[in-house]
Amino acid sequence: MDRQLTLMAVHAHPDDECLSTGGVFARYADEGIRTVLVTCTNGEQGDGPGGVKPGDPGHDAAEVAERRLAELRESVEHLGIDHLELLGYRDSGMDGWETNAHPDAFANVPVDLAAGRLGELIRQYRPQVVVTYDETGGSGYNHPDHVQAHRITVAAVEATGVADKLYYTAIPRSAMKRMFELVRSSGIDLGDFEPSDDFGTPDELVTAVVDVAPHVERKLKALRSHASQGDNIFLFQMPEEAQQQAFSAEAFTRIVNRVTAAPDFEDDLFAGLR
């Protein structure tokens, strides 16, 4: 029996599914491809009600996790994702936070243990295509949970041998530069932030760019679902031209390929599989 075409993306926190894979989730769901989102942590180290930061008085990790998971389920509805799988690990917090040392933090879970759980899901859903972050957690982000998501996904894909392709999300440097130029020209204040020359993925490492322009509004709705996290608010202040540029294509680097018919550069993650 032929396997049902299936996309699985492995993300660290509630809200990570939107920017780098929201478009492919929506596009492939519309095309009848089964879509599976694996979220590794519950996002306990996000902002609490009123923007209360982790470590500040009144920040309730359990309450934050409950709210963020509710927001995640709303986002999943907007993107048409068929299956949401929660590994339920504890959010490690940003690199350098005291919470990195918590024994239950996702970053401290033995890779083989977490990869084993993910491997069970891979065997259950049998995805041809798996997506996660690169070894820096996504274009140099270096968040401990993103790096750990990378580690367990690579280990699970290798151990199971089920997936035909493994991709890392990518942010092409040229596209990032153009977007920030548009943002600044629109008058949005980014403070002292200035992307370095090595911010993002070198263009020559990008092996797939998928057109998701028809799904930009769904990506934005999914992102708005995560209202408790204010970090992305500047994205909604961007002029429409900048939003279209930022959200209408999603880029990837192909790491594993067992499909002989797949071209070197792809505009479809399922190239050679249909």
Protein backbone atom coordinates (compact mmCIF):
# COMPACT_ATOMS: atom_id res chain seq x y z
CA MET A 1 0.00 0.00 0.00
CA ASP A 2 1.29 3.47 -0.89
CA ARG A 3 2.06 5.71 2.06
CA GLN A 4 -0.07 8.80 2.47
CA LEU A 5 1.97 11.88 1.63
CA THR A 6 2.83 13.45 4.98
CA LEU A 7 4.74 16.52 6.17
CA MET A 8 6.05 16.61 9.76
CA ALA A 9 7.66 19.71 11.26
CA VAL A 10 9.38 19.59 14.66
CA HIS A 11 9.36 22.90 16.56
CA ALA A 12 10.55 23.97 19.99
CA HIS A 13 7.75 26.19 21.36
CA PRO A 14 4.17 27.24 20.73
CA ASP A 15 4.35 29.99 18.03
CA ASP A 16 7.49 28.63 16.29
CA GLU A 17 5.30 26.87 13.74
CA CYS A 18 4.12 30.14 12.16
CA LEU A 19 6.95 32.05 10.53
CA SER A 20 9.15 29.39 8.96
CA THR A 21 6.60 26.66 8.22
CA GLY A 22 3.13 28.23 8.51
CA GLY A 23 2.93 28.65 4.75
CA VAL A 24 3.94 25.11 3.84
CA PHE A 25 1.55 23.75 6.46
CA ALA A 26 -1.33 25.71 4.93
CA ARG A 27 -0.32 25.00 1.33
CA TYR A 28 0.15 21.27 1.72
CA ALA A 29 -2.97 20.87 3.84
CA ASP A 30 -4.92 22.49 1.00
CA GLU A 31 -3.31 20.04 -1.42
CA GLY A 32 -4.54 17.06 0.59
CA ILE A 33 -1.18 16.22 2.14
CA ARG A 34 -1.36 15.15 5.78
CA THR A 35 0.33 17.64 8.08
CA VAL A 36 1.79 16.91 11.51
CA LEU A 37 3.20 19.46 13.96
CA VAL A 38 5.38 18.24 16.83
CA THR A 39 5.88 20.90 19.52
CA CYS A 40 8.58 19.95 22.01
CA THR A 41 7.90 22.29 24.96
CA ASN A 42 4.92 23.99 26.55
CA GLY A 43 6.46 27.47 26.44
CA GLU A 44 6.55 28.06 30.20
CA GLN A 45 9.25 30.72 29.84
CA GLY A 46 7.12 33.01 27.70
CA ASP A 47 5.46 36.23 28.83
CA GLY A 48 2.67 36.06 31.37
CA PRO A 49 -0.52 38.17 31.42
CA GLY A 50 0.27 41.85 31.06
CA GLY A 51 3.69 41.06 29.64
CA VAL A 52 5.11 39.78 32.94
CA LYS A 53 8.53 38.32 32.21
CA PRO A 54 9.90 35.02 33.53
CA GLY A 55 11.52 35.56 36.91
CA ASP A 56 9.44 38.63 37.68
CA PRO A 57 6.84 38.66 40.48
CA GLY A 58 3.55 37.26 39.31
CA HIS A 59 4.95 35.07 36.53
CA ASP A 60 3.18 31.71 36.79
CA ALA A 61 4.88 29.13 34.55
CA ALA A 62 1.95 26.71 34.64
CA GLU A 63 -0.51 29.46 33.74
CA VAL A 64 1.70 30.64 30.89
CA ALA A 65 1.99 27.10 29.52
CA GLU A 66 -1.77 26.62 29.63
CA ARG A 67 -2.39 29.86 27.76
CA ARG A 68 0.31 29.25 25.17
CA LEU A 69 -0.98 25.76 24.40
CA ALA A 70 -4.48 27.17 23.90
CA GLU A 71 -3.00 29.74 21.50
CA LEU A 72 -1.15 26.95 19.71
CA ARG A 73 -4.35 25.04 19.12
CA GLU A 74 -5.93 28.16 17.62
CA SER A 75 -2.92 28.61 15.34
CA VAL A 76 -3.19 24.98 14.24
CA GLU A 77 -6.79 25.60 13.20
CA HIS A 78 -5.81 28.60 11.06
CA LEU A 79 -3.08 26.63 9.31
CA GLY A 80 -5.22 23.55 8.73
CA ILE A 81 -2.75 21.26 10.49
CA ASP A 82 -4.18 17.75 10.77
CA HIS A 83 -2.32 16.49 13.83
CA LEU A 84 -0.72 18.30 16.77
CA GLU A 85 1.64 16.23 18.91
CA LEU A 86 2.94 17.68 22.20
CA LEU A 87 6.09 16.22 23.72
CA GLY A 88 5.37 18.32 26.81
CA TYR A 89 8.92 19.13 27.88
CA ARG A 90 9.73 22.12 30.08
CA ASP A 91 10.79 25.33 28.30
CA SER A 92 14.51 25.93 28.94
CA GLY A 93 14.34 29.70 28.47
CA MET A 94 16.72 31.80 26.41
CA ASP A 95 20.42 31.01 26.24
CA GLY A 96 22.09 32.07 29.49
CA TRP A 97 18.97 32.14 31.66
CA GLU A 98 19.07 30.41 35.05
CA THR A 99 16.23 28.20 33.82
CA ASN A 100 18.72 26.49 31.48
CA ALA A 101 19.96 24.57 34.51
CA HIS A 102 16.57 23.14 35.52
CA PRO A 103 16.89 19.34 35.48
CA ASP A 104 13.59 18.97 33.63
CA ALA A 105 14.39 21.59 30.98
CA PHE A 106 14.11 20.25 27.45
CA ALA A 107 17.73 21.14 26.72
CA ASN A 108 18.82 18.78 29.54
CA VAL A 109 16.77 15.78 28.46
CA PRO A 110 19.05 13.01 27.11
CA VAL A 111 18.94 13.21 23.32
CA ASP A 112 18.37 9.49 22.90
CA LEU A 113 15.35 9.62 25.23
CA ALA A 114 13.61 12.52 23.47
CA ALA A 115 14.65 11.21 20.04
CA GLY A 116 13.10 7.89 20.94
CA ARG A 117 9.75 9.54 21.63
CA LEU A 118 9.95 11.50 18.38
CA GLY A 119 10.94 8.33 16.57
CA GLU A 120 7.73 6.68 17.74
CA LEU A 121 5.76 9.52 16.12
CA ILE A 122 7.77 9.21 12.92
CA ARG A 123 7.00 5.50 12.78
CA GLN A 124 3.34 6.22 13.49
CA TYR A 125 2.84 8.91 10.83
CA ARG A 126 5.58 7.78 8.40
CA PRO A 127 6.29 11.24 6.95
CA GLN A 128 8.15 11.45 3.67
CA VAL A 129 9.25 14.98 4.57
CA VAL A 130 10.52 16.16 7.97
CA VAL A 131 11.44 19.77 8.76
CA THR A 132 13.29 21.24 11.74
CA TYR A 133 16.06 23.77 12.53
CA ASP A 134 19.76 23.68 11.69
CA GLU A 135 22.45 23.01 14.29
CA THR A 136 22.33 26.63 15.50
CA GLY A 137 18.61 26.37 16.20
CA GLY A 138 17.70 28.28 13.05
CA SER A 139 19.99 30.74 11.24
CA GLY A 140 22.13 31.41 14.29
CA TYR A 141 19.34 31.78 16.87
CA ASN A 142 21.07 29.43 19.35
CA HIS A 143 18.07 29.04 21.66
CA PRO A 144 18.77 25.89 23.74
CA ASP A 145 15.38 24.37 22.93
CA HIS A 146 15.77 25.00 19.19
CA VAL A 147 19.20 23.39 19.23
CA GLN A 148 17.80 20.43 21.15
CA ALA A 149 14.91 20.10 18.68
CA HIS A 150 17.51 19.92 15.92
CA ARG A 151 19.47 17.23 17.76
CA ILE A 152 16.54 14.96 18.48
CA THR A 153 15.08 15.31 14.99
CA VAL A 154 18.34 14.43 13.27
CA ALA A 155 18.77 11.46 15.61
CA ALA A 156 15.19 10.25 15.12
CA VAL A 157 15.30 10.58 11.33
CA GLU A 158 18.55 8.64 11.23
CA ALA A 159 17.37 5.95 13.65
CA THR A 160 14.02 5.31 11.98
CA GLY A 161 15.03 5.55 8.32
CA VAL A 162 11.42 6.42 7.48
CA ALA A 163 11.68 9.93 6.02
CA ASP A 164 12.75 10.38 2.41
CA LYS A 165 13.82 13.99 3.00
CA LEU A 166 14.99 16.10 5.93
CA TYR A 167 15.06 19.88 5.63
CA TYR A 168 16.30 22.67 7.86
CA THR A 169 14.38 25.95 7.88
CA ALA A 170 16.36 28.78 6.32
CA ILE A 171 16.27 32.57 6.20
CA PRO A 172 18.25 33.63 3.11
CA ARG A 173 20.58 36.50 3.92
CA SER A 174 19.59 38.41 0.81
CA ALA A 175 15.90 38.21 1.68
CA MET A 176 16.60 39.23 5.27
CA LYS A 177 18.56 42.27 4.11
CA ARG A 178 15.77 43.37 1.75
CA MET A 179 13.15 42.96 4.47
CA PHE A 180 15.01 45.12 7.00
CA GLU A 181 15.56 47.77 4.34
CA LEU A 182 11.81 47.86 3.75
CA VAL A 183 11.06 47.95 7.47
CA ARG A 184 13.39 50.88 8.07
CA SER A 185 12.16 52.75 5.01
CA SER A 186 8.63 52.49 6.41
CA GLY A 187 9.71 54.34 9.55
CA ILE A 188 9.46 51.46 12.02
CA ASP A 189 11.84 51.91 14.94
CA LEU A 190 13.95 48.81 15.49
CA GLY A 191 16.00 50.48 18.18
CA ASP A 192 19.66 49.51 18.17
CA PHE A 193 19.05 46.23 16.37
CA GLU A 194 21.21 45.84 13.30
CA PRO A 195 21.46 42.40 11.64
CA SER A 196 25.07 41.35 11.18
CA ASP A 197 26.45 40.36 7.80
CA ASP A 198 26.31 36.71 8.83
CA PHE A 199 22.71 36.88 10.11
CA GLY A 200 20.55 34.34 8.30
CA THR A 201 21.40 31.47 5.97
CA PRO A 202 23.98 31.96 3.20
CA ASP A 203 22.03 32.04 -0.05
CA GLU A 204 24.16 29.29 -1.56
CA LEU A 205 23.02 26.85 1.14
CA VAL A 206 19.31 27.33 0.36
CA THR A 207 18.09 24.40 -1.74
CA ALA A 208 14.32 24.98 -1.72
CA VAL A 209 12.08 28.04 -1.86
CA VAL A 210 8.36 27.33 -1.66
CA ASP A 211 5.79 29.86 -2.85
CA VAL A 212 3.17 30.32 -0.11
CA ALA A 213 1.88 33.74 -1.20
CA PRO A 214 -1.79 32.62 -1.29
CA HIS A 215 -1.50 31.70 2.39
CA VAL A 216 0.03 34.87 3.84
CA GLU A 217 -3.19 35.93 5.56
CA ARG A 218 -3.50 32.52 7.23
CA LYS A 219 0.08 32.79 8.46
CA LEU A 220 -0.70 36.20 9.93
CA LYS A 221 -3.85 34.90 11.61
CA ALA A 222 -1.85 32.03 13.09
CA LEU A 223 0.78 34.43 14.37
CA ARG A 224 -1.89 36.68 15.89
CA SER A 225 -3.22 33.64 17.75
CA HIS A 226 -0.12 33.85 19.93
CA ALA A 227 -1.24 37.17 21.36
CA SER A 228 0.37 36.63 24.75
CA GLN A 229 3.84 36.86 23.21
CA GLY A 230 4.57 40.42 22.13
CA ASP A 231 7.95 39.78 20.49
CA ASN A 232 6.49 39.58 17.00
CA ILE A 233 4.36 42.72 17.22
CA PHE A 234 6.65 44.73 14.90
CA LEU A 235 5.82 42.27 12.10
CA PHE A 236 2.26 43.56 12.05
CA GLN A 237 3.48 47.16 11.85
CA MET A 238 5.33 46.51 8.62
CA PRO A 239 3.86 47.91 5.40
CA GLU A 240 1.96 45.41 3.28
CA GLU A 241 4.83 45.20 0.78
CA ALA A 242 7.24 44.15 3.53
CA GLN A 243 4.76 41.64 4.96
CA GLN A 244 4.29 40.05 1.55
CA GLN A 245 8.05 39.83 1.08
CA ALA A 246 8.59 38.38 4.54
CA PHE A 247 5.78 35.84 4.48
CA SER A 248 5.09 34.85 0.87
CA ALA A 249 7.95 32.38 0.48
CA GLU A 250 9.57 29.90 2.84
CA ALA A 251 13.11 28.67 2.33
CA PHE A 252 14.82 25.44 3.33
CA THR A 253 18.11 23.58 3.17
CA ARG A 254 17.81 19.92 2.21
CA ILE A 255 20.01 17.72 4.38
CA VAL A 256 18.78 14.20 3.67
CA ASN A 257 17.48 13.09 0.28
CA ARG A 258 16.59 9.53 -0.68
CA VAL A 259 14.54 10.58 -3.74
CA THR A 260 16.47 10.15 -6.98
CA ALA A 261 13.92 12.19 -8.96
CA ALA A 262 14.25 15.27 -6.73
CA PRO A 263 16.01 18.20 -8.45
CA ASP A 264 19.00 19.94 -6.87
CA PHE A 265 16.93 23.10 -6.33
CA GLU A 266 13.26 22.67 -5.44
CA ASP A 267 10.12 24.77 -5.33
CA ASP A 268 8.19 21.92 -3.69
CA LEU A 269 9.29 19.88 -0.65
CA PHE A 270 7.51 16.90 -2.18
CA ALA A 271 9.34 17.16 -5.52
CA GLY A 272 9.96 13.65 -6.82
CA LEU A 273 7.48 12.11 -4.38
CA ARG A 274 4.16 12.78 -6.08
